[in-house]
Amino acid sequence: YYADDGKDVLERFRYIGINKEIETLPQVRFLNGDAV
């Protein structure tokens, strides 16, 4: 995920996503839509 900071900045597209290390954590439970 990125933010578009406009044409007037040096790096227009700025990464705003999560630290990729998070997806490797054993305690993470991935969901696909609603969940109880």
PDB file of all heavy atoms in Angstrom:
ATOM      1  N   TYR A   1       0.833  -1.201   0.000  1.00  0.00           N
ATOM      2  CA  TYR A   1       0.000   0.000   0.000  1.00  0.00           C
ATOM      3  C   TYR A   1       0.870   1.255   0.000  1.00  0.00           C
ATOM      4  O   TYR A   1       1.900   1.329   0.678  1.00  0.00           O
ATOM      5  CB  TYR A   1      -0.941  -0.014   1.206  1.00  0.00           C
ATOM      6  CG  TYR A   1      -1.905  -1.176   1.131  1.00  0.00           C
ATOM      7  CD1 TYR A   1      -1.745  -2.294   1.937  1.00  0.00           C
ATOM      8  CD2 TYR A   1      -2.947  -1.178   0.202  1.00  0.00           C
ATOM      9  CE1 TYR A   1      -2.607  -3.377   1.836  1.00  0.00           C
ATOM     10  CE2 TYR A   1      -3.812  -2.259   0.089  1.00  0.00           C
ATOM     11  CZ  TYR A   1      -3.635  -3.349   0.899  1.00  0.00           C
ATOM     12  OH  TYR A   1      -4.478  -4.429   0.788  1.00  0.00           O
ATOM     13  N   TYR A   2       0.422   2.245  -0.783  1.00  0.00           N
ATOM     14  CA  TYR A   2       1.190   3.470  -0.983  1.00  0.00           C
ATOM     15  C   TYR A   2       0.286   4.695  -0.882  1.00  0.00           C
ATOM     16  O   TYR A   2      -0.928   4.605  -1.087  1.00  0.00           O
ATOM     17  CB  TYR A   2       1.855   3.464  -2.370  1.00  0.00           C
ATOM     18  CG  TYR A   2       3.075   2.580  -2.457  1.00  0.00           C
ATOM     19  CD1 TYR A   2       2.955   1.199  -2.586  1.00  0.00           C
ATOM     20  CD2 TYR A   2       4.355   3.122  -2.378  1.00  0.00           C
ATOM     21  CE1 TYR A   2       4.069   0.371  -2.659  1.00  0.00           C
ATOM     22  CE2 TYR A   2       5.484   2.321  -2.456  1.00  0.00           C
ATOM     23  CZ  TYR A   2       5.334   0.948  -2.596  1.00  0.00           C
ATOM     24  OH  TYR A   2       6.442   0.140  -2.656  1.00  0.00           O
ATOM     25  N   ALA A   3       0.913   5.834  -0.578  1.00  0.00           N
ATOM     26  CA  ALA A   3       0.244   7.136  -0.656  1.00  0.00           C
ATOM     27  C   ALA A   3       0.886   7.930  -1.789  1.00  0.00           C
ATOM     28  O   ALA A   3       2.113   7.910  -1.959  1.00  0.00           O
ATOM     29  CB  ALA A   3       0.379   7.887   0.653  1.00  0.00           C
ATOM     30  N   ASP A   4       0.054   8.598  -2.558  1.00  0.00           N
ATOM     31  CA  ASP A   4       0.532   9.475  -3.630  1.00  0.00           C
ATOM     32  C   ASP A   4       0.717  10.868  -3.036  1.00  0.00           C
ATOM     33  O   ASP A   4      -0.248  11.572  -2.754  1.00  0.00           O
ATOM     34  CB  ASP A   4      -0.494   9.490  -4.766  1.00  0.00           C
ATOM     35  CG  ASP A   4      -0.051  10.339  -5.955  1.00  0.00           C
ATOM     36  OD1 ASP A   4       0.975  11.026  -5.842  1.00  0.00           O
ATOM     37  OD2 ASP A   4      -0.744  10.320  -6.992  1.00  0.00           O
ATOM     38  N   ASP A   5       1.978  11.266  -2.868  1.00  0.00           N
ATOM     39  CA  ASP A   5       2.288  12.563  -2.263  1.00  0.00           C
ATOM     40  C   ASP A   5       2.390  13.687  -3.279  1.00  0.00           C
ATOM     41  O   ASP A   5       2.764  14.815  -2.930  1.00  0.00           O
ATOM     42  CB  ASP A   5       3.589  12.466  -1.460  1.00  0.00           C
ATOM     43  CG  ASP A   5       3.409  11.665  -0.171  1.00  0.00           C
ATOM     44  OD1 ASP A   5       2.267  11.592   0.322  1.00  0.00           O
ATOM     45  OD2 ASP A   5       4.402  11.110   0.328  1.00  0.00           O
ATOM     46  N   GLY A   6       2.071  13.392  -4.550  1.00  0.00           N
ATOM     47  CA  GLY A   6       2.034  14.437  -5.563  1.00  0.00           C
ATOM     48  C   GLY A   6       3.295  14.518  -6.401  1.00  0.00           C
ATOM     49  O   GLY A   6       4.338  13.945  -6.071  1.00  0.00           O
ATOM     50  N   LYS A   7       3.197  15.255  -7.479  1.00  0.00           N
ATOM     51  CA  LYS A   7       4.288  15.348  -8.463  1.00  0.00           C
ATOM     52  C   LYS A   7       5.429  16.236  -8.000  1.00  0.00           C
ATOM     53  O   LYS A   7       6.514  16.199  -8.578  1.00  0.00           O
ATOM     54  CB  LYS A   7       3.742  15.880  -9.784  1.00  0.00           C
ATOM     55  CG  LYS A   7       2.684  14.989 -10.424  1.00  0.00           C
ATOM     56  CD  LYS A   7       2.157  15.613 -11.710  1.00  0.00           C
ATOM     57  CE  LYS A   7       1.077  14.725 -12.347  1.00  0.00           C
ATOM     58  NZ  LYS A   7       0.545  15.345 -13.589  1.00  0.00           N
ATOM     59  N   ASP A   8       5.207  17.048  -6.968  1.00  0.00           N
ATOM     60  CA  ASP A   8       6.204  18.039  -6.580  1.00  0.00           C
ATOM     61  C   ASP A   8       7.231  17.517  -5.577  1.00  0.00           C
ATOM     62  O   ASP A   8       8.106  18.273  -5.146  1.00  0.00           O
ATOM     63  CB  ASP A   8       5.517  19.276  -5.991  1.00  0.00           C
ATOM     64  CG  ASP A   8       4.614  19.962  -7.001  1.00  0.00           C
ATOM     65  OD1 ASP A   8       4.921  19.881  -8.205  1.00  0.00           O
ATOM     66  OD2 ASP A   8       3.606  20.574  -6.581  1.00  0.00           O
ATOM     67  N   VAL A   9       7.116  16.253  -5.160  1.00  0.00           N
ATOM     68  CA  VAL A   9       8.069  15.693  -4.202  1.00  0.00           C
ATOM     69  C   VAL A   9       9.022  14.750  -4.926  1.00  0.00           C
ATOM     70  O   VAL A   9       8.724  14.244  -6.018  1.00  0.00           O
ATOM     71  CB  VAL A   9       7.343  14.959  -3.055  1.00  0.00           C
ATOM     72  CG1 VAL A   9       6.474  15.921  -2.280  1.00  0.00           C
ATOM     73  CG2 VAL A   9       6.522  13.795  -3.586  1.00  0.00           C
ATOM     74  N   LEU A  10      10.177  14.499  -4.294  1.00  0.00           N
ATOM     75  CA  LEU A  10      11.207  13.681  -4.921  1.00  0.00           C
ATOM     76  C   LEU A  10      10.718  12.259  -5.166  1.00  0.00           C
ATOM     77  O   LEU A  10      10.919  11.692  -6.242  1.00  0.00           O
ATOM     78  CB  LEU A  10      12.462  13.674  -4.038  1.00  0.00           C
ATOM     79  CG  LEU A  10      13.710  13.023  -4.634  1.00  0.00           C
ATOM     80  CD1 LEU A  10      14.136  13.754  -5.914  1.00  0.00           C
ATOM     81  CD2 LEU A  10      14.848  13.032  -3.610  1.00  0.00           C
ATOM     82  N   GLU A  11      10.103  11.669  -4.138  1.00  0.00           N
ATOM     83  CA  GLU A  11       9.538  10.328  -4.276  1.00  0.00           C
ATOM     84  C   GLU A  11       8.018  10.439  -4.146  1.00  0.00           C
ATOM     85  O   GLU A  11       7.492  10.555  -3.044  1.00  0.00           O
ATOM     86  CB  GLU A  11      10.107   9.380  -3.220  1.00  0.00           C
ATOM     87  CG  GLU A  11      11.593   9.085  -3.414  1.00  0.00           C
ATOM     88  CD  GLU A  11      12.089   8.000  -2.478  1.00  0.00           C
ATOM     89  OE1 GLU A  11      11.274   7.171  -2.042  1.00  0.00           O
ATOM     90  OE2 GLU A  11      13.300   8.004  -2.183  1.00  0.00           O
ATOM     91  N   ARG A  12       7.344  10.379  -5.275  1.00  0.00           N
ATOM     92  CA  ARG A  12       5.904  10.627  -5.301  1.00  0.00           C
ATOM     93  C   ARG A  12       5.129   9.552  -4.540  1.00  0.00           C
ATOM     94  O   ARG A  12       4.197   9.869  -3.790  1.00  0.00           O
ATOM     95  CB  ARG A  12       5.427  10.688  -6.752  1.00  0.00           C
ATOM     96  CG  ARG A  12       3.924  10.830  -6.869  1.00  0.00           C
ATOM     97  CD  ARG A  12       3.480  11.066  -8.296  1.00  0.00           C
ATOM     98  NE  ARG A  12       2.037  11.187  -8.378  1.00  0.00           N
ATOM     99  CZ  ARG A  12       1.383  11.524  -9.479  1.00  0.00           C
ATOM    100  NH1 ARG A  12       2.048  11.778 -10.599  1.00  0.00           N
ATOM    101  NH2 ARG A  12       0.061  11.628  -9.472  1.00  0.00           N
ATOM    102  N   PHE A  13       5.491   8.291  -4.716  1.00  0.00           N
ATOM    103  CA  PHE A  13       4.732   7.192  -4.117  1.00  0.00           C
ATOM    104  C   PHE A  13       5.457   6.686  -2.866  1.00  0.00           C
ATOM    105  O   PHE A  13       6.568   6.176  -2.948  1.00  0.00           O
ATOM    106  CB  PHE A  13       4.530   6.068  -5.129  1.00  0.00           C
ATOM    107  CG  PHE A  13       3.763   6.507  -6.346  1.00  0.00           C
ATOM    108  CD1 PHE A  13       4.396   6.646  -7.573  1.00  0.00           C
ATOM    109  CD2 PHE A  13       2.416   6.815  -6.257  1.00  0.00           C
ATOM    110  CE1 PHE A  13       3.696   7.067  -8.694  1.00  0.00           C
ATOM    111  CE2 PHE A  13       1.704   7.242  -7.372  1.00  0.00           C
ATOM    112  CZ  PHE A  13       2.345   7.371  -8.592  1.00  0.00           C
ATOM    113  N   ARG A  14       4.802   6.870  -1.727  1.00  0.00           N
ATOM    114  CA  ARG A  14       5.393   6.555  -0.419  1.00  0.00           C
ATOM    115  C   ARG A  14       4.751   5.292   0.157  1.00  0.00           C
ATOM    116  O   ARG A  14       3.531   5.203   0.267  1.00  0.00           O
ATOM    117  CB  ARG A  14       5.190   7.746   0.520  1.00  0.00           C
ATOM    118  CG  ARG A  14       5.634   7.527   1.951  1.00  0.00           C
ATOM    119  CD  ARG A  14       5.587   8.848   2.725  1.00  0.00           C
ATOM    120  NE  ARG A  14       4.310   9.542   2.557  1.00  0.00           N
ATOM    121  CZ  ARG A  14       3.263   9.395   3.375  1.00  0.00           C
ATOM    122  NH1 ARG A  14       3.327   8.572   4.423  1.00  0.00           N
ATOM    123  NH2 ARG A  14       2.144  10.075   3.155  1.00  0.00           N
ATOM    124  N   TYR A  15       5.582   4.325   0.540  1.00  0.00           N
ATOM    125  CA  TYR A  15       5.068   3.069   1.096  1.00  0.00           C
ATOM    126  C   TYR A  15       4.426   3.308   2.453  1.00  0.00           C
ATOM    127  O   TYR A  15       5.037   3.911   3.339  1.00  0.00           O
ATOM    128  CB  TYR A  15       6.198   2.042   1.232  1.00  0.00           C
ATOM    129  CG  TYR A  15       5.728   0.707   1.779  1.00  0.00           C
ATOM    130  CD1 TYR A  15       4.977  -0.156   0.988  1.00  0.00           C
ATOM    131  CD2 TYR A  15       6.036   0.318   3.085  1.00  0.00           C
ATOM    132  CE1 TYR A  15       4.542  -1.382   1.484  1.00  0.00           C
ATOM    133  CE2 TYR A  15       5.613  -0.899   3.579  1.00  0.00           C
ATOM    134  CZ  TYR A  15       4.865  -1.744   2.782  1.00  0.00           C
ATOM    135  OH  TYR A  15       4.425  -2.949   3.275  1.00  0.00           O
ATOM    136  N   ILE A  16       3.195   2.868   2.621  1.00  0.00           N
ATOM    137  CA  ILE A  16       2.495   3.031   3.904  1.00  0.00           C
ATOM    138  C   ILE A  16       1.963   1.700   4.416  1.00  0.00           C
ATOM    139  O   ILE A  16       1.120   1.660   5.320  1.00  0.00           O
ATOM    140  CB  ILE A  16       1.331   4.047   3.790  1.00  0.00           C
ATOM    141  CG1 ILE A  16       0.311   3.607   2.729  1.00  0.00           C
ATOM    142  CG2 ILE A  16       1.871   5.445   3.497  1.00  0.00           C
ATOM    143  CD1 ILE A  16      -0.965   4.434   2.746  1.00  0.00           C
ATOM    144  N   GLY A  17       2.443   0.590   3.846  1.00  0.00           N
ATOM    145  CA  GLY A  17       1.974  -0.725   4.259  1.00  0.00           C
ATOM    146  C   GLY A  17       2.639  -1.208   5.533  1.00  0.00           C
ATOM    147  O   GLY A  17       3.411  -0.491   6.183  1.00  0.00           O
ATOM    148  N   ILE A  18       2.366  -2.464   5.880  1.00  0.00           N
ATOM    149  CA  ILE A  18       2.887  -3.020   7.125  1.00  0.00           C
ATOM    150  C   ILE A  18       4.322  -3.520   6.941  1.00  0.00           C
ATOM    151  O   ILE A  18       4.784  -3.751   5.825  1.00  0.00           O
ATOM    152  CB  ILE A  18       1.998  -4.172   7.643  1.00  0.00           C
ATOM    153  CG1 ILE A  18       2.107  -5.409   6.734  1.00  0.00           C
ATOM    154  CG2 ILE A  18       0.549  -3.725   7.779  1.00  0.00           C
ATOM    155  CD1 ILE A  18       1.402  -6.640   7.297  1.00  0.00           C
ATOM    156  N   ASN A  19       5.011  -3.685   8.049  1.00  0.00           N
ATOM    157  CA  ASN A  19       6.306  -4.357   8.079  1.00  0.00           C
ATOM    158  C   ASN A  19       6.095  -5.809   7.634  1.00  0.00           C
ATOM    159  O   ASN A  19       5.300  -6.536   8.227  1.00  0.00           O
ATOM    160  CB  ASN A  19       6.859  -4.301   9.500  1.00  0.00           C
ATOM    161  CG  ASN A  19       8.226  -4.942   9.650  1.00  0.00           C
ATOM    162  OD1 ASN A  19       8.628  -5.799   8.863  1.00  0.00           O
ATOM    163  ND2 ASN A  19       8.939  -4.550  10.686  1.00  0.00           N
ATOM    164  N   LYS A  20       6.794  -6.231   6.590  1.00  0.00           N
ATOM    165  CA  LYS A  20       6.578  -7.561   6.027  1.00  0.00           C
ATOM    166  C   LYS A  20       6.923  -8.692   6.996  1.00  0.00           C
ATOM    167  O   LYS A  20       6.508  -9.835   6.807  1.00  0.00           O
ATOM    168  CB  LYS A  20       7.378  -7.720   4.737  1.00  0.00           C
ATOM    169  CG  LYS A  20       6.951  -6.787   3.616  1.00  0.00           C
ATOM    170  CD  LYS A  20       5.507  -7.017   3.201  1.00  0.00           C
ATOM    171  CE  LYS A  20       5.136  -6.157   1.996  1.00  0.00           C
ATOM    172  NZ  LYS A  20       3.726  -6.340   1.581  1.00  0.00           N
ATOM    173  N   GLU A  21       7.672  -8.364   8.050  1.00  0.00           N
ATOM    174  CA  GLU A  21       7.990  -9.370   9.067  1.00  0.00           C
ATOM    175  C   GLU A  21       6.735  -9.852   9.795  1.00  0.00           C
ATOM    176  O   GLU A  21       6.681 -10.984  10.290  1.00  0.00           O
ATOM    177  CB  GLU A  21       8.999  -8.776  10.059  1.00  0.00           C
ATOM    178  CG  GLU A  21       9.547  -9.763  11.075  1.00  0.00           C
ATOM    179  CD  GLU A  21      10.529  -9.121  12.044  1.00  0.00           C
ATOM    180  OE1 GLU A  21      11.030  -8.014  11.750  1.00  0.00           O
ATOM    181  OE2 GLU A  21      10.786  -9.725  13.101  1.00  0.00           O
ATOM    182  N   ILE A  22       5.715  -9.005   9.824  1.00  0.00           N
ATOM    183  CA  ILE A  22       4.495  -9.343  10.556  1.00  0.00           C
ATOM    184  C   ILE A  22       3.823 -10.581   9.983  1.00  0.00           C
ATOM    185  O   ILE A  22       3.341 -11.445  10.730  1.00  0.00           O
ATOM    186  CB  ILE A  22       3.519  -8.150  10.557  1.00  0.00           C
ATOM    187  CG1 ILE A  22       4.113  -6.989  11.359  1.00  0.00           C
ATOM    188  CG2 ILE A  22       2.148  -8.541  11.115  1.00  0.00           C
ATOM    189  CD1 ILE A  22       3.321  -5.693  11.258  1.00  0.00           C
ATOM    190  N   GLU A  23       3.810 -10.712   8.660  1.00  0.00           N
ATOM    191  CA  GLU A  23       3.091 -11.838   8.052  1.00  0.00           C
ATOM    192  C   GLU A  23       3.725 -13.190   8.358  1.00  0.00           C
ATOM    193  O   GLU A  23       3.098 -14.228   8.174  1.00  0.00           O
ATOM    194  CB  GLU A  23       2.964 -11.657   6.545  1.00  0.00           C
ATOM    195  CG  GLU A  23       4.270 -11.682   5.777  1.00  0.00           C
ATOM    196  CD  GLU A  23       4.062 -11.489   4.279  1.00  0.00           C
ATOM    197  OE1 GLU A  23       3.517 -12.404   3.626  1.00  0.00           O
ATOM    198  OE2 GLU A  23       4.438 -10.410   3.778  1.00  0.00           O
ATOM    199  N   THR A  24       4.966 -13.199   8.843  1.00  0.00           N
ATOM    200  CA  THR A  24       5.641 -14.461   9.174  1.00  0.00           C
ATOM    201  C   THR A  24       5.458 -14.866  10.638  1.00  0.00           C
ATOM    202  O   THR A  24       5.904 -15.946  11.039  1.00  0.00           O
ATOM    203  CB  THR A  24       7.150 -14.356   8.870  1.00  0.00           C
ATOM    204  OG1 THR A  24       7.764 -13.422   9.777  1.00  0.00           O
ATOM    205  CG2 THR A  24       7.380 -13.883   7.446  1.00  0.00           C
ATOM    206  N   LEU A  25       4.822 -14.024  11.435  1.00  0.00           N
ATOM    207  CA  LEU A  25       4.656 -14.326  12.862  1.00  0.00           C
ATOM    208  C   LEU A  25       3.749 -15.535  13.049  1.00  0.00           C
ATOM    209  O   LEU A  25       2.665 -15.602  12.457  1.00  0.00           O
ATOM    210  CB  LEU A  25       4.068 -13.123  13.593  1.00  0.00           C
ATOM    211  CG  LEU A  25       4.934 -11.853  13.664  1.00  0.00           C
ATOM    212  CD1 LEU A  25       4.112 -10.687  14.219  1.00  0.00           C
ATOM    213  CD2 LEU A  25       6.175 -12.102  14.520  1.00  0.00           C
ATOM    214  N   PRO A  26       4.124 -16.486  13.902  1.00  0.00           N
ATOM    215  CA  PRO A  26       3.292 -17.684  14.093  1.00  0.00           C
ATOM    216  C   PRO A  26       1.950 -17.402  14.750  1.00  0.00           C
ATOM    217  O   PRO A  26       1.013 -18.193  14.605  1.00  0.00           O
ATOM    218  CB  PRO A  26       4.167 -18.586  14.977  1.00  0.00           C
ATOM    219  CG  PRO A  26       5.118 -17.647  15.664  1.00  0.00           C
ATOM    220  CD  PRO A  26       5.376 -16.550  14.681  1.00  0.00           C
ATOM    221  N   GLN A  27       1.829 -16.287  15.469  1.00  0.00           N
ATOM    222  CA  GLN A  27       0.578 -15.977  16.159  1.00  0.00           C
ATOM    223  C   GLN A  27      -0.434 -15.262  15.263  1.00  0.00           C
ATOM    224  O   GLN A  27      -1.563 -14.991  15.685  1.00  0.00           O
ATOM    225  CB  GLN A  27       0.826 -15.163  17.429  1.00  0.00           C
ATOM    226  CG  GLN A  27       1.594 -13.864  17.252  1.00  0.00           C
ATOM    227  CD  GLN A  27       3.087 -14.017  17.434  1.00  0.00           C
ATOM    228  OE1 GLN A  27       3.708 -14.833  16.774  1.00  0.00           O
ATOM    229  NE2 GLN A  27       3.662 -13.224  18.344  1.00  0.00           N
ATOM    230  N   VAL A  28      -0.058 -14.956  14.026  1.00  0.00           N
ATOM    231  CA  VAL A  28      -0.976 -14.282  13.106  1.00  0.00           C
ATOM    232  C   VAL A  28      -2.029 -15.266  12.601  1.00  0.00           C
ATOM    233  O   VAL A  28      -1.717 -16.403  12.240  1.00  0.00           O
ATOM    234  CB  VAL A  28      -0.219 -13.668  11.913  1.00  0.00           C
ATOM    235  CG1 VAL A  28      -1.188 -13.254  10.805  1.00  0.00           C
ATOM    236  CG2 VAL A  28       0.586 -12.447  12.369  1.00  0.00           C
ATOM    237  N   ARG A  29      -3.279 -14.803  12.592  1.00  0.00           N
ATOM    238  CA  ARG A  29      -4.387 -15.571  12.028  1.00  0.00           C
ATOM    239  C   ARG A  29      -4.991 -14.750  10.892  1.00  0.00           C
ATOM    240  O   ARG A  29      -5.579 -13.702  11.130  1.00  0.00           O
ATOM    241  CB  ARG A  29      -5.461 -15.873  13.096  1.00  0.00           C
ATOM    242  CG  ARG A  29      -4.948 -16.705  14.268  1.00  0.00           C
ATOM    243  CD  ARG A  29      -4.551 -18.099  13.833  1.00  0.00           C
ATOM    244  NE  ARG A  29      -4.097 -18.922  14.952  1.00  0.00           N
ATOM    245  CZ  ARG A  29      -2.823 -19.054  15.330  1.00  0.00           C
ATOM    246  NH1 ARG A  29      -1.874 -18.375  14.678  1.00  0.00           N
ATOM    247  NH2 ARG A  29      -2.499 -19.823  16.343  1.00  0.00           N
ATOM    248  N   PHE A  30      -4.783 -15.207   9.663  1.00  0.00           N
ATOM    249  CA  PHE A  30      -5.290 -14.486   8.501  1.00  0.00           C
ATOM    250  C   PHE A  30      -6.766 -14.800   8.275  1.00  0.00           C
ATOM    251  O   PHE A  30      -7.184 -15.961   8.355  1.00  0.00           O
ATOM    252  CB  PHE A  30      -4.487 -14.852   7.256  1.00  0.00           C
ATOM    253  CG  PHE A  30      -3.105 -14.272   7.240  1.00  0.00           C
ATOM    254  CD1 PHE A  30      -1.994 -15.092   7.363  1.00  0.00           C
ATOM    255  CD2 PHE A  30      -2.909 -12.900   7.121  1.00  0.00           C
ATOM    256  CE1 PHE A  30      -0.715 -14.556   7.352  1.00  0.00           C
ATOM    257  CE2 PHE A  30      -1.639 -12.354   7.115  1.00  0.00           C
ATOM    258  CZ  PHE A  30      -0.536 -13.191   7.226  1.00  0.00           C
ATOM    259  N   LEU A  31      -7.539 -13.758   7.977  1.00  0.00           N
ATOM    260  CA  LEU A  31      -8.969 -13.897   7.723  1.00  0.00           C
ATOM    261  C   LEU A  31      -9.254 -13.530   6.272  1.00  0.00           C
ATOM    262  O   LEU A  31      -8.516 -12.766   5.656  1.00  0.00           O
ATOM    263  CB  LEU A  31      -9.774 -12.973   8.643  1.00  0.00           C
ATOM    264  CG  LEU A  31      -9.550 -13.128  10.151  1.00  0.00           C
ATOM    265  CD1 LEU A  31     -10.367 -12.082  10.908  1.00  0.00           C
ATOM    266  CD2 LEU A  31      -9.905 -14.535  10.619  1.00  0.00           C
ATOM    267  N   ASN A  32     -10.347 -14.065   5.777  1.00  0.00           N
ATOM    268  CA  ASN A  32     -10.818 -13.713   4.442  1.00  0.00           C
ATOM    269  C   ASN A  32     -12.291 -13.337   4.553  1.00  0.00           C
ATOM    270  O   ASN A  32     -13.183 -14.132   4.291  1.00  0.00           O
ATOM    271  CB  ASN A  32     -10.618 -14.883   3.481  1.00  0.00           C
ATOM    272  CG  ASN A  32     -10.966 -14.526   2.052  1.00  0.00           C
ATOM    273  OD1 ASN A  32     -11.125 -13.350   1.709  1.00  0.00           O
ATOM    274  ND2 ASN A  32     -11.107 -15.527   1.210  1.00  0.00           N
ATOM    275  N   GLY A  33     -12.527 -12.109   5.017  1.00  0.00           N
ATOM    276  CA  GLY A  33     -13.897 -11.666   5.238  1.00  0.00           C
ATOM    277  C   GLY A  33     -14.305 -11.750   6.697  1.00  0.00           C
ATOM    278  O   GLY A  33     -13.478 -11.644   7.603  1.00  0.00           O
ATOM    279  N   ASP A  34     -15.592 -11.956   6.948  1.00  0.00           N
ATOM    280  CA  ASP A  34     -16.150 -11.946   8.299  1.00  0.00           C
ATOM    281  C   ASP A  34     -15.668 -13.145   9.110  1.00  0.00           C
ATOM    282  O   ASP A  34     -15.333 -14.201   8.555  1.00  0.00           O
ATOM    283  CB  ASP A  34     -17.678 -11.959   8.237  1.00  0.00           C
ATOM    284  CG  ASP A  34     -18.246 -10.727   7.541  1.00  0.00           C
ATOM    285  OD1 ASP A  34     -17.459  -9.913   7.041  1.00  0.00           O
ATOM    286  OD2 ASP A  34     -19.484 -10.594   7.504  1.00  0.00           O
ATOM    287  N   ALA A  35     -15.669 -12.990  10.444  1.00  0.00           N
ATOM    288  CA  ALA A  35     -15.259 -14.095  11.311  1.00  0.00           C
ATOM    289  C   ALA A  35     -15.841 -13.904  12.699  1.00  0.00           C
ATOM    290  O   ALA A  35     -15.958 -12.773  13.185  1.00  0.00           O
ATOM    291  CB  ALA A  35     -13.741 -14.184  11.394  1.00  0.00           C
ATOM    292  N   VAL A  36     -16.203 -14.997  13.337  1.00  0.00           N
ATOM    293  CA  VAL A  36     -16.624 -14.996  14.735  1.00  0.00           C
ATOM    294  C   VAL A  36     -15.460 -15.529  15.563  1.00  0.00           C
ATOM    295  O   VAL A  36     -15.010 -16.655  15.346  1.00  0.00           O
ATOM    296  CB  VAL A  36     -17.876 -15.861  14.953  1.00  0.00           C
ATOM    297  CG1 VAL A  36     -18.228 -15.926  16.442  1.00  0.00           C
ATOM    298  CG2 VAL A  36     -19.053 -15.321  14.151  1.00  0.00           C
TER     299      VAL A  36
END
